[in-house]
Amino acid sequence: MVKKGKMFIIKLPANPTTGYGWTVRKSPHQVIYLGKHYVQSPECKKGIVGCSGIEILRFNAIEAGKGELQLQYVRPWDLPYLKAGVKLWMSS
């Protein structure tokens, strides 16, 4: 549950060196996508390619209501997509 007007984040495992990344496929109208950034795992030594980490996606709940946020971990040129759904409830 997220309060109206509050920002929330979703952290998901990722490895952009493989070409894959998280994208917002579907979002309820009560939520605004603010962007994302990648953080490499602290276990990875500096300069090492191929280490995994997490993508942090930021959103803002702009209205009360509920909906489903659908995310995909995908390389843009591949099909089918792998889906992950998150159910959200925004309170006023």
N, C-alpha and C. Protein backbone atom coordinates (compact mmCIF):
# COMPACT_ATOMS: atom_id res chain seq x y z
N MET A 1 0.85 -1.17 0.00
CA MET A 1 0.00 0.00 0.00
C MET A 1 0.90 1.24 0.00
N VAL A 2 0.52 2.20 -0.81
CA VAL A 2 1.28 3.43 -0.94
C VAL A 2 0.35 4.61 -0.70
N LYS A 3 0.79 5.59 0.06
CA LYS A 3 -0.03 6.78 0.30
C LYS A 3 0.01 7.71 -0.91
N LYS A 4 -1.15 8.32 -1.19
CA LYS A 4 -1.26 9.29 -2.28
C LYS A 4 -0.22 10.39 -2.10
N GLY A 5 0.46 10.72 -3.21
CA GLY A 5 1.48 11.77 -3.18
C GLY A 5 2.86 11.28 -2.77
N LYS A 6 2.99 10.02 -2.44
CA LYS A 6 4.28 9.48 -2.00
C LYS A 6 5.00 8.75 -3.12
N MET A 7 6.31 8.88 -3.11
CA MET A 7 7.14 8.13 -4.05
C MET A 7 7.39 6.74 -3.48
N PHE A 8 7.48 5.74 -4.36
CA PHE A 8 7.87 4.41 -3.93
C PHE A 8 8.83 3.82 -4.95
N ILE A 9 9.63 2.86 -4.48
CA ILE A 9 10.61 2.23 -5.36
C ILE A 9 10.38 0.72 -5.39
N ILE A 10 10.80 0.13 -6.50
CA ILE A 10 10.82 -1.32 -6.64
C ILE A 10 12.24 -1.68 -7.05
N LYS A 11 12.86 -2.59 -6.30
CA LYS A 11 14.22 -3.05 -6.59
C LYS A 11 14.14 -4.46 -7.15
N LEU A 12 14.77 -4.66 -8.31
CA LEU A 12 14.73 -5.97 -8.97
C LEU A 12 16.12 -6.37 -9.44
N PRO A 13 16.43 -7.67 -9.37
CA PRO A 13 17.74 -8.12 -9.86
C PRO A 13 17.87 -7.86 -11.36
N ALA A 14 19.06 -7.49 -11.79
CA ALA A 14 19.28 -7.19 -13.21
C ALA A 14 20.75 -7.36 -13.56
N ASN A 15 20.99 -7.54 -14.85
CA ASN A 15 22.34 -7.61 -15.37
C ASN A 15 22.34 -7.01 -16.77
N PRO A 16 22.52 -5.69 -16.87
CA PRO A 16 22.42 -5.02 -18.16
C PRO A 16 23.49 -5.44 -19.18
N THR A 17 24.57 -6.06 -18.73
CA THR A 17 25.58 -6.50 -19.68
C THR A 17 25.06 -7.62 -20.57
N THR A 18 23.96 -8.26 -20.20
CA THR A 18 23.34 -9.30 -21.02
C THR A 18 22.37 -8.70 -22.04
N GLY A 19 22.11 -7.39 -21.93
CA GLY A 19 21.14 -6.74 -22.81
C GLY A 19 19.76 -6.64 -22.19
N TYR A 20 19.54 -7.33 -21.08
CA TYR A 20 18.23 -7.32 -20.43
C TYR A 20 18.10 -6.13 -19.50
N GLY A 21 16.88 -5.65 -19.36
CA GLY A 21 16.56 -4.59 -18.43
C GLY A 21 15.08 -4.60 -18.12
N TRP A 22 14.72 -3.98 -17.02
CA TRP A 22 13.32 -3.90 -16.62
C TRP A 22 12.66 -2.72 -17.31
N THR A 23 11.44 -2.94 -17.77
CA THR A 23 10.66 -1.88 -18.41
C THR A 23 9.23 -1.94 -17.88
N VAL A 24 8.58 -0.80 -17.84
CA VAL A 24 7.18 -0.73 -17.41
C VAL A 24 6.32 -1.05 -18.62
N ARG A 25 5.59 -2.13 -18.56
CA ARG A 25 4.72 -2.56 -19.66
C ARG A 25 3.33 -1.98 -19.51
N LYS A 26 2.85 -1.92 -18.27
CA LYS A 26 1.49 -1.41 -18.01
C LYS A 26 1.51 -0.78 -16.62
N SER A 27 0.84 0.36 -16.50
CA SER A 27 0.82 1.07 -15.23
C SER A 27 -0.59 1.60 -14.97
N PRO A 28 -1.08 1.49 -13.74
CA PRO A 28 -2.39 2.08 -13.44
C PRO A 28 -2.32 3.61 -13.56
N HIS A 29 -3.45 4.21 -13.85
CA HIS A 29 -3.46 5.67 -14.06
C HIS A 29 -3.15 6.44 -12.77
N GLN A 30 -3.19 5.77 -11.62
CA GLN A 30 -2.89 6.43 -10.35
C GLN A 30 -1.39 6.53 -10.06
N VAL A 31 -0.58 6.02 -10.97
CA VAL A 31 0.87 5.95 -10.75
C VAL A 31 1.61 6.62 -11.90
N ILE A 32 2.64 7.38 -11.56
CA ILE A 32 3.52 7.98 -12.55
C ILE A 32 4.90 7.33 -12.41
N TYR A 33 5.45 6.90 -13.54
CA TYR A 33 6.80 6.33 -13.58
C TYR A 33 7.80 7.48 -13.62
N LEU A 34 8.74 7.51 -12.67
CA LEU A 34 9.70 8.60 -12.58
C LEU A 34 11.06 8.27 -13.20
N GLY A 35 11.34 6.99 -13.40
CA GLY A 35 12.62 6.61 -13.99
C GLY A 35 13.26 5.46 -13.23
N LYS A 36 14.45 5.09 -13.71
CA LYS A 36 15.16 3.98 -13.09
C LYS A 36 16.66 4.21 -13.17
N HIS A 37 17.38 3.48 -12.34
CA HIS A 37 18.83 3.46 -12.43
C HIS A 37 19.34 2.10 -11.95
N TYR A 38 20.55 1.79 -12.35
CA TYR A 38 21.16 0.50 -12.06
C TYR A 38 22.25 0.67 -11.01
N VAL A 39 22.31 -0.28 -10.07
CA VAL A 39 23.36 -0.29 -9.06
C VAL A 39 24.04 -1.65 -9.12
N GLN A 40 25.33 -1.65 -9.40
CA GLN A 40 26.08 -2.90 -9.49
C GLN A 40 26.26 -3.49 -8.09
N SER A 41 26.28 -4.80 -8.02
CA SER A 41 26.46 -5.51 -6.76
C SER A 41 27.77 -5.09 -6.10
N PRO A 42 27.77 -4.90 -4.77
CA PRO A 42 29.01 -4.53 -4.09
C PRO A 42 30.08 -5.62 -4.15
N GLU A 43 29.68 -6.85 -4.45
CA GLU A 43 30.65 -7.95 -4.57
C GLU A 43 31.47 -7.86 -5.86
N CYS A 44 31.01 -7.08 -6.83
CA CYS A 44 31.72 -6.95 -8.10
C CYS A 44 32.91 -6.02 -7.93
N LYS A 45 34.04 -6.47 -8.41
CA LYS A 45 35.23 -5.62 -8.36
C LYS A 45 35.14 -4.56 -9.46
N LYS A 46 35.70 -3.42 -9.19
CA LYS A 46 35.66 -2.31 -10.14
C LYS A 46 36.26 -2.73 -11.49
N GLY A 47 35.55 -2.41 -12.58
CA GLY A 47 36.03 -2.71 -13.92
C GLY A 47 35.64 -4.09 -14.43
N ILE A 48 35.06 -4.94 -13.59
CA ILE A 48 34.64 -6.28 -14.01
C ILE A 48 33.34 -6.17 -14.80
N VAL A 49 33.31 -6.78 -15.98
CA VAL A 49 32.12 -6.78 -16.82
C VAL A 49 31.34 -8.07 -16.59
N GLY A 50 30.01 -7.98 -16.59
CA GLY A 50 29.18 -9.17 -16.47
C GLY A 50 28.63 -9.41 -15.09
N CYS A 51 28.97 -8.56 -14.14
CA CYS A 51 28.43 -8.71 -12.78
C CYS A 51 26.98 -8.24 -12.75
N SER A 52 26.22 -8.87 -11.91
CA SER A 52 24.82 -8.46 -11.77
C SER A 52 24.69 -7.39 -10.69
N GLY A 53 23.47 -6.93 -10.54
CA GLY A 53 23.16 -5.92 -9.53
C GLY A 53 21.66 -5.78 -9.43
N ILE A 54 21.19 -4.56 -9.19
CA ILE A 54 19.75 -4.32 -9.12
C ILE A 54 19.39 -3.07 -9.92
N GLU A 55 18.20 -3.11 -10.50
CA GLU A 55 17.62 -1.91 -11.09
C GLU A 55 16.61 -1.37 -10.09
N ILE A 56 16.66 -0.08 -9.90
CA ILE A 56 15.75 0.58 -8.97
C ILE A 56 14.81 1.44 -9.79
N LEU A 57 13.52 1.08 -9.76
CA LEU A 57 12.49 1.81 -10.50
C LEU A 57 11.74 2.70 -9.52
N ARG A 58 11.55 3.96 -9.88
CA ARG A 58 10.88 4.94 -9.01
C ARG A 58 9.52 5.32 -9.58
N PHE A 59 8.53 5.40 -8.71
CA PHE A 59 7.16 5.75 -9.08
C PHE A 59 6.60 6.72 -8.06
N ASN A 60 5.51 7.40 -8.46
CA ASN A 60 4.78 8.27 -7.55
C ASN A 60 3.30 7.93 -7.62
N ALA A 61 2.67 7.77 -6.47
CA ALA A 61 1.22 7.52 -6.40
C ALA A 61 0.53 8.88 -6.40
N ILE A 62 -0.23 9.17 -7.46
CA ILE A 62 -0.83 10.50 -7.59
C ILE A 62 -2.30 10.54 -7.21
N GLU A 63 -2.96 9.37 -7.10
CA GLU A 63 -4.37 9.29 -6.73
C GLU A 63 -4.61 8.06 -5.88
N ALA A 64 -5.71 8.08 -5.14
CA ALA A 64 -6.15 6.88 -4.43
C ALA A 64 -6.77 5.91 -5.43
N GLY A 65 -6.73 4.64 -5.12
CA GLY A 65 -7.29 3.61 -5.99
C GLY A 65 -6.43 2.37 -5.95
N LYS A 66 -6.69 1.46 -6.86
CA LYS A 66 -5.84 0.28 -6.95
C LYS A 66 -5.65 -0.11 -8.40
N GLY A 67 -4.59 -0.84 -8.66
CA GLY A 67 -4.30 -1.23 -10.02
C GLY A 67 -3.12 -2.17 -10.06
N GLU A 68 -2.82 -2.63 -11.24
CA GLU A 68 -1.71 -3.55 -11.43
C GLU A 68 -0.61 -2.89 -12.24
N LEU A 69 0.59 -2.99 -11.73
CA LEU A 69 1.77 -2.50 -12.41
C LEU A 69 2.45 -3.72 -13.03
N GLN A 70 2.61 -3.71 -14.34
CA GLN A 70 3.19 -4.85 -15.04
C GLN A 70 4.58 -4.47 -15.55
N LEU A 71 5.57 -5.23 -15.12
CA LEU A 71 6.95 -4.98 -15.50
C LEU A 71 7.46 -6.16 -16.32
N GLN A 72 8.45 -5.88 -17.16
CA GLN A 72 9.05 -6.94 -17.98
C GLN A 72 10.56 -6.84 -17.92
N TYR A 73 11.18 -8.00 -17.80
CA TYR A 73 12.64 -8.11 -17.88
C TYR A 73 12.94 -8.63 -19.27
N VAL A 74 13.45 -7.76 -20.12
CA VAL A 74 13.49 -8.09 -21.54
C VAL A 74 14.66 -7.41 -22.23
N ARG A 75 15.14 -8.08 -23.26
CA ARG A 75 16.01 -7.40 -24.22
C ARG A 75 15.05 -6.82 -25.25
N PRO A 76 15.20 -5.59 -25.65
CA PRO A 76 14.22 -4.94 -26.52
C PRO A 76 13.94 -5.68 -27.82
N TRP A 77 14.87 -6.46 -28.31
CA TRP A 77 14.70 -7.12 -29.60
C TRP A 77 14.16 -8.55 -29.50
N ASP A 78 13.93 -9.06 -28.27
CA ASP A 78 13.48 -10.44 -28.10
C ASP A 78 11.99 -10.56 -27.79
N LEU A 79 11.41 -11.66 -28.20
CA LEU A 79 10.05 -12.07 -27.82
C LEU A 79 10.14 -13.54 -27.44
N PRO A 80 9.33 -14.13 -26.62
CA PRO A 80 8.32 -13.47 -25.81
C PRO A 80 8.94 -12.78 -24.60
N TYR A 81 8.17 -11.91 -24.01
CA TYR A 81 8.63 -11.18 -22.85
C TYR A 81 8.38 -11.99 -21.58
N LEU A 82 9.25 -11.82 -20.61
CA LEU A 82 9.03 -12.39 -19.28
C LEU A 82 8.34 -11.31 -18.46
N LYS A 83 7.26 -11.67 -17.79
CA LYS A 83 6.47 -10.67 -17.07
C LYS A 83 6.56 -10.85 -15.56
N ALA A 84 6.45 -9.76 -14.87
CA ALA A 84 6.33 -9.75 -13.42
C ALA A 84 5.26 -8.73 -13.09
N GLY A 85 4.27 -9.10 -12.33
CA GLY A 85 3.19 -8.19 -11.97
C GLY A 85 3.27 -7.80 -10.50
N VAL A 86 2.92 -6.58 -10.20
CA VAL A 86 2.90 -6.08 -8.84
C VAL A 86 1.54 -5.45 -8.62
N LYS A 87 0.80 -5.91 -7.62
CA LYS A 87 -0.50 -5.30 -7.31
C LYS A 87 -0.28 -4.15 -6.34
N LEU A 88 -0.90 -3.01 -6.66
CA LEU A 88 -0.72 -1.79 -5.87
C LEU A 88 -2.06 -1.29 -5.34
N TRP A 89 -2.03 -0.76 -4.13
CA TRP A 89 -3.19 -0.08 -3.56
C TRP A 89 -2.70 1.27 -3.06
N MET A 90 -3.28 2.34 -3.57
CA MET A 90 -2.92 3.68 -3.16
C MET A 90 -4.02 4.22 -2.24
N SER A 91 -3.62 4.64 -1.05
CA SER A 91 -4.59 5.18 -0.11
C SER A 91 -4.53 6.70 -0.13
N SER A 92 -5.65 7.31 0.26
CA SER A 92 -5.68 8.78 0.26
C SER A 92 -5.17 9.33 1.58
